[in-house]
Amino acid sequence: MGKIILRLDRVMADRKMSLNELSERVGVSNVNLSKMKTGKISAIRFSTLEAICDVLNCQPGDILEYDPNQENDRE
């Protein structure tokens, strides 16, 4: 089975937005966004994903990517 890869860092870099600014605008703690940015989460609320997409003006598919060739270590 493949793995979901988080690309939040890439989208933030494209938008030239810092973790602190995103945290303030989305209303999610730096710690939680940092975990998301580094891929150290196992779930995300749709409301959080919606807020991130709104602030970054992107689609969920810009942030989430499925790689069928990578092992999922959460199994």
Protein backbone atom coordinates (compact mmCIF):
# COMPACT_ATOMS: atom_id res chain seq x y z
CA MET A 1 0.00 0.00 0.00
CA GLY A 2 1.19 3.54 -0.78
CA LYS A 3 1.52 6.61 1.37
CA ILE A 4 -0.01 10.09 1.53
CA ILE A 5 2.71 12.75 1.37
CA LEU A 6 2.14 16.26 2.69
CA ARG A 7 3.42 19.05 0.47
CA LEU A 8 2.48 21.97 2.73
CA ASP A 9 6.10 23.17 2.85
CA ARG A 10 6.24 23.44 -0.94
CA VAL A 11 2.97 25.37 -1.19
CA MET A 12 4.02 27.71 1.62
CA ALA A 13 7.34 28.36 -0.13
CA ASP A 14 5.56 29.06 -3.43
CA ARG A 15 3.36 31.61 -1.62
CA LYS A 16 6.32 32.99 0.38
CA MET A 17 4.39 32.46 3.61
CA SER A 18 6.02 31.68 6.94
CA LEU A 19 4.77 29.12 9.41
CA ASN A 20 3.97 31.92 11.87
CA GLU A 21 1.90 33.85 9.34
CA LEU A 22 0.00 30.74 8.25
CA SER A 23 -0.63 29.81 11.88
CA GLU A 24 -2.07 33.23 12.66
CA ARG A 25 -4.25 33.37 9.55
CA VAL A 26 -5.55 29.79 9.84
CA GLY A 27 -5.96 29.77 13.61
CA VAL A 28 -3.95 26.60 14.17
CA SER A 29 -0.94 26.41 16.48
CA ASN A 30 2.59 26.55 15.11
CA VAL A 31 3.25 23.14 16.64
CA ASN A 32 0.39 21.48 14.78
CA LEU A 33 1.24 23.16 11.49
CA SER A 34 4.89 22.22 11.93
CA LYS A 35 3.89 18.57 12.39
CA MET A 36 1.78 18.80 9.26
CA LYS A 37 4.59 20.48 7.34
CA THR A 38 7.02 17.70 8.26
CA GLY A 39 4.48 14.92 7.66
CA LYS A 40 4.34 13.79 11.29
CA ILE A 41 0.55 13.61 11.49
CA SER A 42 -1.85 10.76 10.85
CA ALA A 43 -5.04 12.79 10.33
CA ILE A 44 -6.26 16.26 9.44
CA ARG A 45 -9.66 17.82 10.00
CA PHE A 46 -11.48 18.98 6.90
CA SER A 47 -12.08 22.34 8.58
CA THR A 48 -8.31 22.78 9.02
CA LEU A 49 -7.61 21.70 5.44
CA GLU A 50 -10.30 24.10 4.18
CA ALA A 51 -8.80 26.99 6.18
CA ILE A 52 -5.29 26.24 4.89
CA CYS A 53 -6.52 26.06 1.30
CA ASP A 54 -8.41 29.32 1.75
CA VAL A 55 -5.38 31.18 3.13
CA LEU A 56 -2.91 29.69 0.62
CA ASN A 57 -5.39 29.95 -2.28
CA CYS A 58 -4.81 26.34 -3.27
CA GLN A 59 -6.60 23.02 -3.69
CA PRO A 60 -6.28 20.05 -1.27
CA GLY A 61 -4.45 18.20 -4.04
CA ASP A 62 -1.73 20.86 -3.95
CA ILE A 63 -1.01 19.90 -0.33
CA LEU A 64 -1.73 16.14 -0.36
CA GLU A 65 -0.11 13.67 -2.71
CA TYR A 66 -0.48 9.90 -2.94
CA ASP A 67 2.65 7.89 -3.72
CA PRO A 68 1.80 4.24 -4.41
CA ASN A 69 5.48 3.27 -4.28
CA GLN A 70 6.22 4.44 -0.74
CA GLU A 71 5.56 2.26 2.28
CA ASN A 72 3.02 3.59 4.76
CA ASP A 73 4.64 3.37 8.20
CA ARG A 74 1.30 4.00 9.97
CA GLU A 75 0.02 0.48 9.33
